[in-house]
Amino acid sequence: MTRWVLHVDLDQFLAAVEQRRHPELAGRPVVVGGNGDPASRTVVATASYEAREFGVHSGMPMRLAARRCPQAVFLPADNPAYEAASEEVMAVLRGFAVVVEVIGWDEAFLQWDGDDPEALAAEVRAEVRARTGLSCATGIGDNTLRAKMATAFAKPGGVHRITAGNWFATFGTEPTGVLHGIGTKTERKLAELCIHTVAQLAESSPTAVGERLGPRMGPYYVSLGRGMGRTEMEATPWVPRSRSRETTFDVNLENWTAVLAEIRVLSARVSGDVEAEGRDVARVGVKVRYAPFLTRTRSLTLPAPTRDPAVLEAAALEVAGWFPHDRPVRLLGVRAEFTPA
């Protein structure tokens, strides 16, 4: 038998949950994000496939989404509902003879030893649909990276396989930025080394790449180019690594006194989330987005793990003090990073 990794990824998850509990929305363009007000300065969390046909996508400002698809139904994010739906799906996956590693609300890796992974993928998709009413795509690979990359070809609701045998035929001539784990900045740095494609990255010297991108990250990026990934899954429950709250202001904050007041409000909300989670916090971060759209983040490691609201607020205020105070602010966020579970 062969060791396989399957990447199960729920289709248009947040929008699908909303369409499931509001059947009248089936087949209609649905946009989920922020408080659901298309006139607000929030961003799209998920758009249904019907909305994506109009050019709406995750991360897009809600106002732009409303201009592109004015007939869409705009809904606020309902995280508890999505967490509950996620648990339903993960319970279905755990019913199979596989090792399940949950990596987020809407995705998980399955480790399976067998001879026909497509048959298993079909069973998984059918069972998820029958038990939850939700659709999922499944990528099949001989490791985690190839399985996850395969899922993009399986969307929506299909199955695709990528292994060592077709890795370079599929991605060899593609730009390095196509790989999960390589962002725009890294792609640009690789280009400075005359590394433009996945095949070129795979053929590069890990040492040479490490001299430009760091001794640890250089070999890692070369391994991505070669399609390398894990084959052993961890069957541990997925737990959030952090809790965060953020607010986008309809009117920019023009003075730092107002900024600090909002930081206190966000800190209190995060502290409530932390208390509900029942876990200690090791690090506190703050996000500031200046007008029109320049985003900066900073964070502070606490002297000792805690869930004391006063300590968390003081840390957030200290971090906020590190930012320039002379520009209008359109968004603020506070994040609490938990100690390892």
C-alpha atoms as a PDB file:
ATOM      1  CA  MET A   1       0.000   0.000   0.000  1.00  0.00           C
ATOM      2  CA  THR A   2       0.996   3.622  -0.561  1.00  0.00           C
ATOM      3  CA  ARG A   3       0.947   6.465   1.943  1.00  0.00           C
ATOM      4  CA  TRP A   4      -1.334   9.255   0.732  1.00  0.00           C
ATOM      5  CA  VAL A   5      -2.183  12.688   2.041  1.00  0.00           C
ATOM      6  CA  LEU A   6      -5.588  14.175   1.215  1.00  0.00           C
ATOM      7  CA  HIS A   7      -6.309  17.862   1.672  1.00  0.00           C
ATOM      8  CA  VAL A   8     -10.006  18.467   2.294  1.00  0.00           C
ATOM      9  CA  ASP A   9     -11.007  22.088   1.733  1.00  0.00           C
ATOM     10  CA  LEU A  10     -14.591  23.283   2.132  1.00  0.00           C
ATOM     11  CA  ASP A  11     -15.922  25.325  -0.769  1.00  0.00           C
ATOM     12  CA  GLN A  12     -16.833  29.004  -0.131  1.00  0.00           C
ATOM     13  CA  PHE A  13     -17.140  27.985   3.520  1.00  0.00           C
ATOM     14  CA  LEU A  14     -18.587  31.057   5.241  1.00  0.00           C
ATOM     15  CA  ALA A  15     -20.944  31.820   2.367  1.00  0.00           C
ATOM     16  CA  ALA A  16     -21.961  28.152   2.190  1.00  0.00           C
ATOM     17  CA  VAL A  17     -22.840  28.120   5.898  1.00  0.00           C
ATOM     18  CA  GLU A  18     -24.981  31.210   5.386  1.00  0.00           C
ATOM     19  CA  GLN A  19     -26.710  29.657   2.373  1.00  0.00           C
ATOM     20  CA  ARG A  20     -27.305  26.486   4.379  1.00  0.00           C
ATOM     21  CA  ARG A  21     -29.098  28.260   7.203  1.00  0.00           C
ATOM     22  CA  HIS A  22     -30.851  30.665   4.794  1.00  0.00           C
ATOM     23  CA  PRO A  23     -31.990  28.377   1.933  1.00  0.00           C
ATOM     24  CA  GLU A  24     -33.512  31.332   0.106  1.00  0.00           C
ATOM     25  CA  LEU A  25     -29.925  32.499  -0.567  1.00  0.00           C
ATOM     26  CA  ALA A  26     -29.003  29.388  -2.563  1.00  0.00           C
ATOM     27  CA  GLY A  27     -27.727  30.364  -5.998  1.00  0.00           C
ATOM     28  CA  ARG A  28     -27.575  34.053  -5.123  1.00  0.00           C
ATOM     29  CA  PRO A  29     -24.404  36.153  -4.775  1.00  0.00           C
ATOM     30  CA  VAL A  30     -23.536  36.303  -1.080  1.00  0.00           C
ATOM     31  CA  VAL A  31     -20.769  38.397   0.484  1.00  0.00           C
ATOM     32  CA  VAL A  32     -19.719  37.865   4.110  1.00  0.00           C
ATOM     33  CA  GLY A  33     -17.570  40.283   6.043  1.00  0.00           C
ATOM     34  CA  GLY A  34     -17.330  42.775   8.877  1.00  0.00           C
ATOM     35  CA  ASN A  35     -20.700  43.980  10.105  1.00  0.00           C
ATOM     36  CA  GLY A  36     -22.349  43.175   6.795  1.00  0.00           C
ATOM     37  CA  ASP A  37     -22.757  46.826   5.829  1.00  0.00           C
ATOM     38  CA  PRO A  38     -21.499  47.312   2.248  1.00  0.00           C
ATOM     39  CA  ALA A  39     -21.016  51.014   2.963  1.00  0.00           C
ATOM     40  CA  SER A  40     -18.586  50.319   5.801  1.00  0.00           C
ATOM     41  CA  ARG A  41     -14.811  50.331   5.476  1.00  0.00           C
ATOM     42  CA  THR A  42     -14.495  46.623   6.188  1.00  0.00           C
ATOM     43  CA  VAL A  43     -13.298  43.887   3.843  1.00  0.00           C
ATOM     44  CA  VAL A  44     -14.793  40.754   2.328  1.00  0.00           C
ATOM     45  CA  ALA A  45     -14.148  37.577   4.328  1.00  0.00           C
ATOM     46  CA  THR A  46     -15.723  35.219   1.777  1.00  0.00           C
ATOM     47  CA  ALA A  47     -17.756  35.612  -1.383  1.00  0.00           C
ATOM     48  CA  SER A  48     -19.966  32.915  -2.856  1.00  0.00           C
ATOM     49  CA  TYR A  49     -19.086  31.638  -6.311  1.00  0.00           C
ATOM     50  CA  GLU A  50     -22.028  33.595  -7.707  1.00  0.00           C
ATOM     51  CA  ALA A  51     -20.480  36.812  -6.326  1.00  0.00           C
ATOM     52  CA  ARG A  52     -16.997  35.863  -7.537  1.00  0.00           C
ATOM     53  CA  GLU A  53     -18.303  35.877 -11.089  1.00  0.00           C
ATOM     54  CA  PHE A  54     -18.586  39.659 -10.670  1.00  0.00           C
ATOM     55  CA  GLY A  55     -14.976  39.977  -9.519  1.00  0.00           C
ATOM     56  CA  VAL A  56     -15.649  39.954  -5.774  1.00  0.00           C
ATOM     57  CA  HIS A  57     -13.010  38.179  -3.701  1.00  0.00           C
ATOM     58  CA  SER A  58     -11.696  37.797  -0.154  1.00  0.00           C
ATOM     59  CA  GLY A  59      -9.801  40.797   1.171  1.00  0.00           C
ATOM     60  CA  MET A  60     -11.566  43.237  -1.148  1.00  0.00           C
ATOM     61  CA  PRO A  61     -13.046  46.383   0.450  1.00  0.00           C
ATOM     62  CA  MET A  62     -16.780  45.926   0.985  1.00  0.00           C
ATOM     63  CA  ARG A  63     -17.507  49.183  -0.813  1.00  0.00           C
ATOM     64  CA  LEU A  64     -15.751  47.941  -3.940  1.00  0.00           C
ATOM     65  CA  ALA A  65     -17.602  44.619  -3.667  1.00  0.00           C
ATOM     66  CA  ALA A  66     -20.892  46.529  -3.543  1.00  0.00           C
ATOM     67  CA  ARG A  67     -19.963  48.458  -6.683  1.00  0.00           C
ATOM     68  CA  ARG A  68     -19.013  45.310  -8.555  1.00  0.00           C
ATOM     69  CA  CYS A  69     -22.039  43.317  -7.415  1.00  0.00           C
ATOM     70  CA  PRO A  70     -24.758  45.631  -6.070  1.00  0.00           C
ATOM     71  CA  GLN A  71     -27.317  42.833  -6.184  1.00  0.00           C
ATOM     72  CA  ALA A  72     -25.347  40.709  -3.694  1.00  0.00           C
ATOM     73  CA  VAL A  73     -26.658  39.869  -0.245  1.00  0.00           C
ATOM     74  CA  PHE A  74     -24.214  41.311   2.307  1.00  0.00           C
ATOM     75  CA  LEU A  75     -24.038  39.537   5.660  1.00  0.00           C
ATOM     76  CA  PRO A  76     -22.018  40.070   8.852  1.00  0.00           C
ATOM     77  CA  ALA A  77     -19.512  37.419   9.896  1.00  0.00           C
ATOM     78  CA  ASP A  78     -20.911  35.017  12.504  1.00  0.00           C
ATOM     79  CA  ASN A  79     -17.870  33.215  13.896  1.00  0.00           C
ATOM     80  CA  PRO A  80     -19.704  30.956  16.387  1.00  0.00           C
ATOM     81  CA  ALA A  81     -21.868  29.607  13.545  1.00  0.00           C
ATOM     82  CA  TYR A  82     -18.800  28.891  11.432  1.00  0.00           C
ATOM     83  CA  GLU A  83     -17.001  27.188  14.315  1.00  0.00           C
ATOM     84  CA  ALA A  84     -20.037  24.940  14.885  1.00  0.00           C
ATOM     85  CA  ALA A  85     -20.249  24.056  11.190  1.00  0.00           C
ATOM     86  CA  SER A  86     -16.533  23.302  11.133  1.00  0.00           C
ATOM     87  CA  GLU A  87     -16.911  20.892  14.041  1.00  0.00           C
ATOM     88  CA  GLU A  88     -19.678  19.080  12.155  1.00  0.00           C
ATOM     89  CA  VAL A  89     -17.393  18.529   9.176  1.00  0.00           C
ATOM     90  CA  MET A  90     -14.380  17.457  11.237  1.00  0.00           C
ATOM     91  CA  ALA A  91     -16.538  14.932  13.078  1.00  0.00           C
ATOM     92  CA  VAL A  92     -17.475  13.431   9.709  1.00  0.00           C
ATOM     93  CA  LEU A  93     -13.819  13.198   8.678  1.00  0.00           C
ATOM     94  CA  ARG A  94     -12.875  11.497  11.932  1.00  0.00           C
ATOM     95  CA  GLY A  95     -15.407   8.799  11.124  1.00  0.00           C
ATOM     96  CA  PHE A  96     -13.103   7.463   8.401  1.00  0.00           C
ATOM     97  CA  ALA A  97     -10.146   5.151   8.996  1.00  0.00           C
ATOM     98  CA  VAL A  98      -7.663   7.998   8.581  1.00  0.00           C
ATOM     99  CA  VAL A  99      -5.480  10.285  10.679  1.00  0.00           C
ATOM    100  CA  VAL A 100      -7.113  13.737  10.666  1.00  0.00           C
ATOM    101  CA  GLU A 101      -5.055  16.886  11.181  1.00  0.00           C
ATOM    102  CA  VAL A 102      -7.279  19.962  11.330  1.00  0.00           C
ATOM    103  CA  ILE A 103      -5.490  23.068  10.086  1.00  0.00           C
ATOM    104  CA  GLY A 104      -8.325  25.599  10.144  1.00  0.00           C
ATOM    105  CA  TRP A 105     -12.067  26.108  10.163  1.00  0.00           C
ATOM    106  CA  ASP A 106     -12.470  24.896   6.620  1.00  0.00           C
ATOM    107  CA  GLU A 107      -9.600  22.521   5.902  1.00  0.00           C
ATOM    108  CA  ALA A 108      -7.859  19.407   7.141  1.00  0.00           C
ATOM    109  CA  PHE A 109      -5.245  16.903   6.063  1.00  0.00           C
ATOM    110  CA  LEU A 110      -6.026  13.184   6.030  1.00  0.00           C
ATOM    111  CA  GLN A 111      -3.272  10.560   6.226  1.00  0.00           C
ATOM    112  CA  TRP A 112      -4.237   7.246   4.643  1.00  0.00           C
ATOM    113  CA  ASP A 113      -2.485   4.093   3.532  1.00  0.00           C
ATOM    114  CA  GLY A 114      -4.169   2.439   0.573  1.00  0.00           C
ATOM    115  CA  ASP A 115      -4.292   1.925  -3.165  1.00  0.00           C
ATOM    116  CA  ASP A 116      -7.181   4.071  -4.433  1.00  0.00           C
ATOM    117  CA  PRO A 117      -7.147   7.570  -2.918  1.00  0.00           C
ATOM    118  CA  GLU A 118      -9.655   8.854  -5.478  1.00  0.00           C
ATOM    119  CA  ALA A 119     -12.212   6.368  -4.174  1.00  0.00           C
ATOM    120  CA  LEU A 120     -11.619   7.567  -0.616  1.00  0.00           C
ATOM    121  CA  ALA A 121     -11.889  11.190  -1.732  1.00  0.00           C
ATOM    122  CA  ALA A 122     -15.221  10.467  -3.383  1.00  0.00           C
ATOM    123  CA  GLU A 123     -16.499   8.828  -0.182  1.00  0.00           C
ATOM    124  CA  VAL A 124     -15.345  11.771   1.908  1.00  0.00           C
ATOM    125  CA  ARG A 125     -16.987  14.325  -0.347  1.00  0.00           C
ATOM    126  CA  ALA A 126     -20.236  12.354  -0.473  1.00  0.00           C
ATOM    127  CA  GLU A 127     -20.364  11.855   3.304  1.00  0.00           C
ATOM    128  CA  VAL A 128     -19.616  15.517   4.061  1.00  0.00           C
ATOM    129  CA  ARG A 129     -22.366  16.555   1.649  1.00  0.00           C
ATOM    130  CA  ALA A 130     -24.867  14.055   3.048  1.00  0.00           C
ATOM    131  CA  ARG A 131     -24.178  14.794   6.720  1.00  0.00           C
ATOM    132  CA  THR A 132     -23.642  18.561   6.632  1.00  0.00           C
ATOM    133  CA  GLY A 133     -25.002  19.850   3.337  1.00  0.00           C
ATOM    134  CA  LEU A 134     -21.621  21.428   2.576  1.00  0.00           C
ATOM    135  CA  SER A 135     -19.375  20.862  -0.434  1.00  0.00           C
ATOM    136  CA  CYS A 136     -15.638  20.215  -0.306  1.00  0.00           C
ATOM    137  CA  ALA A 137     -12.791  19.819  -2.762  1.00  0.00           C
ATOM    138  CA  THR A 138     -10.074  17.235  -2.180  1.00  0.00           C
ATOM    139  CA  GLY A 139      -6.460  17.413  -3.232  1.00  0.00           C
ATOM    140  CA  ILE A 140      -4.488  14.166  -3.278  1.00  0.00           C
ATOM    141  CA  GLY A 141      -0.719  14.064  -2.900  1.00  0.00           C
ATOM    142  CA  ASP A 142       2.204  12.083  -1.618  1.00  0.00           C
ATOM    143  CA  ASN A 143       2.819  14.823   0.967  1.00  0.00           C
ATOM    144  CA  THR A 144       1.082  17.848   2.466  1.00  0.00           C
ATOM    145  CA  LEU A 145       2.409  20.432   0.007  1.00  0.00           C
ATOM    146  CA  ARG A 146       1.433  18.514  -3.098  1.00  0.00           C
ATOM    147  CA  ALA A 147      -1.978  17.658  -1.673  1.00  0.00           C
ATOM    148  CA  LYS A 148      -2.686  21.297  -0.820  1.00  0.00           C
ATOM    149  CA  MET A 149      -1.476  22.493  -4.203  1.00  0.00           C
ATOM    150  CA  ALA A 150      -3.702  19.898  -5.873  1.00  0.00           C
ATOM    151  CA  THR A 151      -6.777  21.299  -4.162  1.00  0.00           C
ATOM    152  CA  ALA A 152      -6.645  24.452  -6.281  1.00  0.00           C
ATOM    153  CA  PHE A 153      -7.258  22.254  -9.336  1.00  0.00           C
ATOM    154  CA  ALA A 154     -10.094  20.434  -7.539  1.00  0.00           C
ATOM    155  CA  LYS A 155     -12.110  23.551  -6.662  1.00  0.00           C
ATOM    156  CA  PRO A 156     -15.024  23.575  -6.424  1.00  0.00           C
ATOM    157  CA  GLY A 157     -16.205  20.171  -5.267  1.00  0.00           C
ATOM    158  CA  GLY A 158     -13.802  18.015  -7.237  1.00  0.00           C
ATOM    159  CA  VAL A 159     -10.717  15.815  -6.821  1.00  0.00           C
ATOM    160  CA  HIS A 160      -7.210  16.239  -8.206  1.00  0.00           C
ATOM    161  CA  ARG A 161      -3.916  14.386  -7.672  1.00  0.00           C
ATOM    162  CA  ILE A 162      -0.383  15.824  -7.713  1.00  0.00           C
ATOM    163  CA  THR A 163       2.628  13.680  -6.842  1.00  0.00           C
ATOM    164  CA  ALA A 164       6.363  13.634  -7.500  1.00  0.00           C
ATOM    165  CA  GLY A 165       5.534  12.164 -10.892  1.00  0.00           C
ATOM    166  CA  ASN A 166       3.717  15.236 -12.200  1.00  0.00           C
ATOM    167  CA  TRP A 167       5.011  17.996  -9.913  1.00  0.00           C
ATOM    168  CA  PHE A 168       7.350  19.638 -12.410  1.00  0.00           C
ATOM    169  CA  ALA A 169       5.031  19.004 -15.357  1.00  0.00           C
ATOM    170  CA  THR A 170       2.389  20.947 -13.436  1.00  0.00           C
ATOM    171  CA  PHE A 171       4.424  23.703 -11.785  1.00  0.00           C
ATOM    172  CA  GLY A 172       7.938  23.676 -13.247  1.00  0.00           C
ATOM    173  CA  THR A 173       7.431  26.718 -15.475  1.00  0.00           C
ATOM    174  CA  GLU A 174       5.167  28.563 -13.025  1.00  0.00           C
ATOM    175  CA  PRO A 175       6.479  31.580 -11.067  1.00  0.00           C
ATOM    176  CA  THR A 176       7.763  30.835  -7.565  1.00  0.00           C
ATOM    177  CA  GLY A 177       4.923  32.860  -6.065  1.00  0.00           C
ATOM    178  CA  VAL A 178       2.481  30.102  -6.966  1.00  0.00           C
ATOM    179  CA  LEU A 179       3.882  28.009  -4.091  1.00  0.00           C
ATOM    180  CA  HIS A 180       2.207  28.068  -0.681  1.00  0.00           C
ATOM    181  CA  GLY A 181       4.665  29.741   1.646  1.00  0.00           C
ATOM    182  CA  ILE A 182       6.182  32.142  -0.881  1.00  0.00           C
ATOM    183  CA  GLY A 183       4.744  35.638  -0.858  1.00  0.00           C
ATOM    184  CA  THR A 184       5.369  38.683  -2.982  1.00  0.00           C
ATOM    185  CA  LYS A 185       8.417  39.875  -1.045  1.00  0.00           C
ATOM    186  CA  THR A 186      10.090  36.474  -1.125  1.00  0.00           C
ATOM    187  CA  GLU A 187       9.302  36.070  -4.815  1.00  0.00           C
ATOM    188  CA  ARG A 188      10.981  39.403  -5.453  1.00  0.00           C
ATOM    189  CA  LYS A 189      14.080  38.400  -3.472  1.00  0.00           C
ATOM    190  CA  LEU A 190      14.308  35.127  -5.384  1.00  0.00           C
ATOM    191  CA  ALA A 191      14.053  37.050  -8.647  1.00  0.00           C
ATOM    192  CA  GLU A 192      17.091  39.076  -7.565  1.00  0.00           C
ATOM    193  CA  LEU A 193      18.936  35.745  -7.561  1.00  0.00           C
ATOM    194  CA  CYS A 194      17.642  35.071 -11.111  1.00  0.00           C
ATOM    195  CA  ILE A 195      15.260  32.452  -9.715  1.00  0.00           C
ATOM    196  CA  HIS A 196      11.931  33.011 -11.428  1.00  0.00           C
ATOM    197  CA  THR A 197      10.266  29.616 -11.794  1.00  0.00           C
ATOM    198  CA  VAL A 198       9.542  26.640  -9.571  1.00  0.00           C
ATOM    199  CA  ALA A 199      11.982  24.496 -11.553  1.00  0.00           C
ATOM    200  CA  GLN A 200      14.742  27.070 -11.175  1.00  0.00           C
ATOM    201  CA  LEU A 201      14.111  27.204  -7.433  1.00  0.00           C
ATOM    202  CA  ALA A 202      14.239  23.409  -7.183  1.00  0.00           C
ATOM    203  CA  GLU A 203      17.580  23.365  -8.984  1.00  0.00           C
ATOM    204  CA  SER A 204      19.079  26.094  -6.805  1.00  0.00           C
ATOM    205  CA  SER A 205      21.686  25.612  -4.121  1.00  0.00           C
ATOM    206  CA  PRO A 206      20.067  25.775  -0.661  1.00  0.00           C
ATOM    207  CA  THR A 207      23.251  27.403   0.633  1.00  0.00           C
ATOM    208  CA  ALA A 208      23.224  30.091  -2.042  1.00  0.00           C
ATOM    209  CA  VAL A 209      19.560  30.879  -1.474  1.00  0.00           C
ATOM    210  CA  GLY A 210      20.208  30.860   2.275  1.00  0.00           C
ATOM    211  CA  GLU A 211      22.862  33.539   1.894  1.00  0.00           C
ATOM    212  CA  ARG A 212      20.155  35.884   0.576  1.00  0.00           C
ATOM    213  CA  LEU A 213      17.075  34.755   2.482  1.00  0.00           C
ATOM    214  CA  GLY A 214      18.606  33.343   5.663  1.00  0.00           C
ATOM    215  CA  PRO A 215      20.291  30.044   6.555  1.00  0.00           C
ATOM    216  CA  ARG A 216      17.040  28.460   7.720  1.00  0.00           C
ATOM    217  CA  MET A 217      14.605  29.847   5.163  1.00  0.00           C
ATOM    218  CA  GLY A 218      16.846  29.358   2.116  1.00  0.00           C
ATOM    219  CA  PRO A 219      16.800  25.544   2.275  1.00  0.00           C
ATOM    220  CA  TYR A 220      13.096  25.657   3.137  1.00  0.00           C
ATOM    221  CA  TYR A 221      12.224  27.608  -0.016  1.00  0.00           C
ATOM    222  CA  VAL A 222      14.293  25.256  -2.155  1.00  0.00           C
ATOM    223  CA  SER A 223      12.412  22.331  -0.614  1.00  0.00           C
ATOM    224  CA  LEU A 224       9.142  24.001  -1.634  1.00  0.00           C
ATOM    225  CA  GLY A 225      10.396  24.224  -5.184  1.00  0.00           C
ATOM    226  CA  ARG A 226      11.069  20.493  -5.091  1.00  0.00           C
ATOM    227  CA  GLY A 227       7.541  19.832  -3.834  1.00  0.00           C
ATOM    228  CA  MET A 228       8.605  18.476  -0.467  1.00  0.00           C
ATOM    229  CA  GLY A 229       6.263  18.243   2.514  1.00  0.00           C
ATOM    230  CA  ARG A 230       5.175  16.152   5.464  1.00  0.00           C
ATOM    231  CA  THR A 231       3.719  12.659   5.197  1.00  0.00           C
ATOM    232  CA  GLU A 232       2.908  12.159   8.896  1.00  0.00           C
ATOM    233  CA  MET A 233      -0.164  13.923  10.255  1.00  0.00           C
ATOM    234  CA  GLU A 234      -0.807  14.902  13.865  1.00  0.00           C
ATOM    235  CA  ALA A 235      -4.194  13.717  15.073  1.00  0.00           C
ATOM    236  CA  THR A 236      -4.566  16.464  17.658  1.00  0.00           C
ATOM    237  CA  PRO A 237      -7.572  18.775  17.937  1.00  0.00           C
ATOM    238  CA  TRP A 238      -7.054  22.100  16.226  1.00  0.00           C
ATOM    239  CA  VAL A 239      -6.941  24.995  18.647  1.00  0.00           C
ATOM    240  CA  PRO A 240      -6.635  28.675  17.792  1.00  0.00           C
ATOM    241  CA  ARG A 241      -3.135  30.092  18.128  1.00  0.00           C
ATOM    242  CA  SER A 242      -4.487  33.534  18.945  1.00  0.00           C
ATOM    243  CA  ARG A 243      -7.566  35.665  19.411  1.00  0.00           C
ATOM    244  CA  SER A 244      -7.870  39.076  17.839  1.00  0.00           C
ATOM    245  CA  ARG A 245     -10.302  41.900  17.424  1.00  0.00           C
ATOM    246  CA  GLU A 246     -10.139  44.782  14.998  1.00  0.00           C
ATOM    247  CA  THR A 247     -12.240  47.750  13.964  1.00  0.00           C
ATOM    248  CA  THR A 248     -12.349  49.708  10.726  1.00  0.00           C
ATOM    249  CA  PHE A 249     -13.516  53.270  11.275  1.00  0.00           C
ATOM    250  CA  ASP A 250     -15.943  54.970   8.921  1.00  0.00           C
ATOM    251  CA  VAL A 251     -14.177  58.216   9.787  1.00  0.00           C
ATOM    252  CA  ASN A 252     -10.410  58.218  10.266  1.00  0.00           C
ATOM    253  CA  LEU A 253      -9.069  58.780  13.763  1.00  0.00           C
ATOM    254  CA  GLU A 254      -7.098  62.010  13.611  1.00  0.00           C
ATOM    255  CA  ASN A 255      -5.527  62.101  17.094  1.00  0.00           C
ATOM    256  CA  TRP A 256      -3.663  59.567  19.189  1.00  0.00           C
ATOM    257  CA  THR A 257      -5.887  60.021  22.244  1.00  0.00           C
ATOM    258  CA  ALA A 258      -8.749  58.544  20.233  1.00  0.00           C
ATOM    259  CA  VAL A 259      -6.475  55.764  19.009  1.00  0.00           C
ATOM    260  CA  LEU A 260      -5.515  54.772  22.566  1.00  0.00           C
ATOM    261  CA  ALA A 261      -9.161  54.833  23.634  1.00  0.00           C
ATOM    262  CA  GLU A 262     -10.005  52.360  20.865  1.00  0.00           C
ATOM    263  CA  ILE A 263      -7.016  50.193  21.813  1.00  0.00           C
ATOM    264  CA  ARG A 264      -8.478  49.933  25.315  1.00  0.00           C
ATOM    265  CA  VAL A 265     -11.860  48.906  23.908  1.00  0.00           C
ATOM    266  CA  LEU A 266     -10.309  46.260  21.660  1.00  0.00           C
ATOM    267  CA  SER A 267      -8.112  44.991  24.490  1.00  0.00           C
ATOM    268  CA  ALA A 268     -11.179  44.494  26.667  1.00  0.00           C
ATOM    269  CA  ARG A 269     -12.896  42.502  23.919  1.00  0.00           C
ATOM    270  CA  VAL A 270      -9.805  40.364  23.358  1.00  0.00           C
ATOM    271  CA  SER A 271      -9.504  39.785  27.112  1.00  0.00           C
ATOM    272  CA  GLY A 272     -13.067  38.479  27.112  1.00  0.00           C
ATOM    273  CA  ASP A 273     -12.175  36.071  24.304  1.00  0.00           C
ATOM    274  CA  VAL A 274      -9.065  34.978  26.184  1.00  0.00           C
ATOM    275  CA  GLU A 275     -11.043  34.294  29.346  1.00  0.00           C
ATOM    276  CA  ALA A 276     -13.590  32.260  27.395  1.00  0.00           C
ATOM    277  CA  GLU A 277     -10.746  30.285  25.830  1.00  0.00           C
ATOM    278  CA  GLY A 278      -9.258  29.593  29.264  1.00  0.00           C
ATOM    279  CA  ARG A 279      -5.665  29.861  28.061  1.00  0.00           C
ATOM    280  CA  ASP A 280      -2.727  32.087  28.916  1.00  0.00           C
ATOM    281  CA  VAL A 281      -1.307  34.670  26.547  1.00  0.00           C
ATOM    282  CA  ALA A 282       2.404  34.865  25.745  1.00  0.00           C
ATOM    283  CA  ARG A 283       2.451  37.770  23.271  1.00  0.00           C
ATOM    284  CA  VAL A 284       0.320  40.805  22.444  1.00  0.00           C
ATOM    285  CA  GLY A 285       0.232  42.445  19.031  1.00  0.00           C
ATOM    286  CA  VAL A 286      -1.289  45.608  17.583  1.00  0.00           C
ATOM    287  CA  LYS A 287      -2.224  46.363  13.978  1.00  0.00           C
ATOM    288  CA  VAL A 288      -2.500  49.919  12.714  1.00  0.00           C
ATOM    289  CA  ARG A 289      -3.742  50.759   9.243  1.00  0.00           C
ATOM    290  CA  TYR A 290      -3.113  54.358   8.270  1.00  0.00           C
ATOM    291  CA  ALA A 291      -5.099  56.161   5.605  1.00  0.00           C
ATOM    292  CA  PRO A 292      -5.346  55.396   2.813  1.00  0.00           C
ATOM    293  CA  PHE A 293      -4.147  51.767   3.231  1.00  0.00           C
ATOM    294  CA  LEU A 294      -0.694  51.455   4.832  1.00  0.00           C
ATOM    295  CA  THR A 295      -0.717  48.631   7.390  1.00  0.00           C
ATOM    296  CA  ARG A 296       1.844  48.087  10.141  1.00  0.00           C
ATOM    297  CA  THR A 297       1.969  45.459  12.900  1.00  0.00           C
ATOM    298  CA  ARG A 298       4.121  45.243  16.033  1.00  0.00           C
ATOM    299  CA  SER A 299       4.083  42.833  18.977  1.00  0.00           C
ATOM    300  CA  LEU A 300       5.496  42.357  22.461  1.00  0.00           C
ATOM    301  CA  THR A 301       6.404  39.196  24.368  1.00  0.00           C
ATOM    302  CA  LEU A 302       4.998  39.349  27.892  1.00  0.00           C
ATOM    303  CA  PRO A 303       7.319  38.865  30.898  1.00  0.00           C
ATOM    304  CA  ALA A 304       5.222  35.845  31.877  1.00  0.00           C
ATOM    305  CA  PRO A 305       2.139  34.122  30.399  1.00  0.00           C
ATOM    306  CA  THR A 306      -1.085  35.611  31.701  1.00  0.00           C
ATOM    307  CA  ARG A 307      -4.755  36.229  30.990  1.00  0.00           C
ATOM    308  CA  ASP A 308      -4.985  39.281  33.277  1.00  0.00           C
ATOM    309  CA  PRO A 309      -6.975  41.958  31.370  1.00  0.00           C
ATOM    310  CA  ALA A 310      -4.945  44.780  32.928  1.00  0.00           C
ATOM    311  CA  VAL A 311      -1.665  43.257  31.773  1.00  0.00           C
ATOM    312  CA  LEU A 312      -2.997  42.638  28.275  1.00  0.00           C
ATOM    313  CA  GLU A 313      -4.284  46.204  28.010  1.00  0.00           C
ATOM    314  CA  ALA A 314      -1.008  47.663  29.274  1.00  0.00           C
ATOM    315  CA  ALA A 315       0.940  45.619  26.748  1.00  0.00           C
ATOM    316  CA  ALA A 316      -1.332  46.703  23.886  1.00  0.00           C
ATOM    317  CA  LEU A 317      -0.974  50.353  24.885  1.00  0.00           C
ATOM    318  CA  GLU A 318       2.804  49.988  25.075  1.00  0.00           C
ATOM    319  CA  VAL A 319       2.948  48.482  21.591  1.00  0.00           C
ATOM    320  CA  ALA A 320       0.611  51.178  20.263  1.00  0.00           C
ATOM    321  CA  GLY A 321       3.096  53.749  21.531  1.00  0.00           C
ATOM    322  CA  TRP A 322       5.712  52.428  19.117  1.00  0.00           C
ATOM    323  CA  PHE A 323       3.754  53.568  16.050  1.00  0.00           C
ATOM    324  CA  PRO A 324       4.007  57.007  14.433  1.00  0.00           C
ATOM    325  CA  HIS A 325       1.314  59.297  15.811  1.00  0.00           C
ATOM    326  CA  ASP A 326       1.130  61.825  13.005  1.00  0.00           C
ATOM    327  CA  ARG A 327      -1.077  60.090  10.429  1.00  0.00           C
ATOM    328  CA  PRO A 328      -4.845  59.430  10.246  1.00  0.00           C
ATOM    329  CA  VAL A 329      -5.799  55.899  11.302  1.00  0.00           C
ATOM    330  CA  ARG A 330      -8.519  53.910   9.533  1.00  0.00           C
ATOM    331  CA  LEU A 331      -8.179  50.512  11.269  1.00  0.00           C
ATOM    332  CA  LEU A 332      -6.931  49.204  14.610  1.00  0.00           C
ATOM    333  CA  GLY A 333      -6.504  45.645  15.813  1.00  0.00           C
ATOM    334  CA  VAL A 334      -5.335  43.908  18.977  1.00  0.00           C
ATOM    335  CA  ARG A 335      -4.125  40.291  18.996  1.00  0.00           C
ATOM    336  CA  ALA A 336      -3.383  37.938  21.887  1.00  0.00           C
ATOM    337  CA  GLU A 337      -1.123  34.985  21.032  1.00  0.00           C
ATOM    338  CA  PHE A 338      -1.572  31.976  23.285  1.00  0.00           C
ATOM    339  CA  THR A 339       1.134  29.882  24.864  1.00  0.00           C
ATOM    340  CA  PRO A 340       1.520  26.560  23.013  1.00  0.00           C
ATOM    341  CA  ALA A 341      -1.392  24.243  23.784  1.00  0.00           C
END
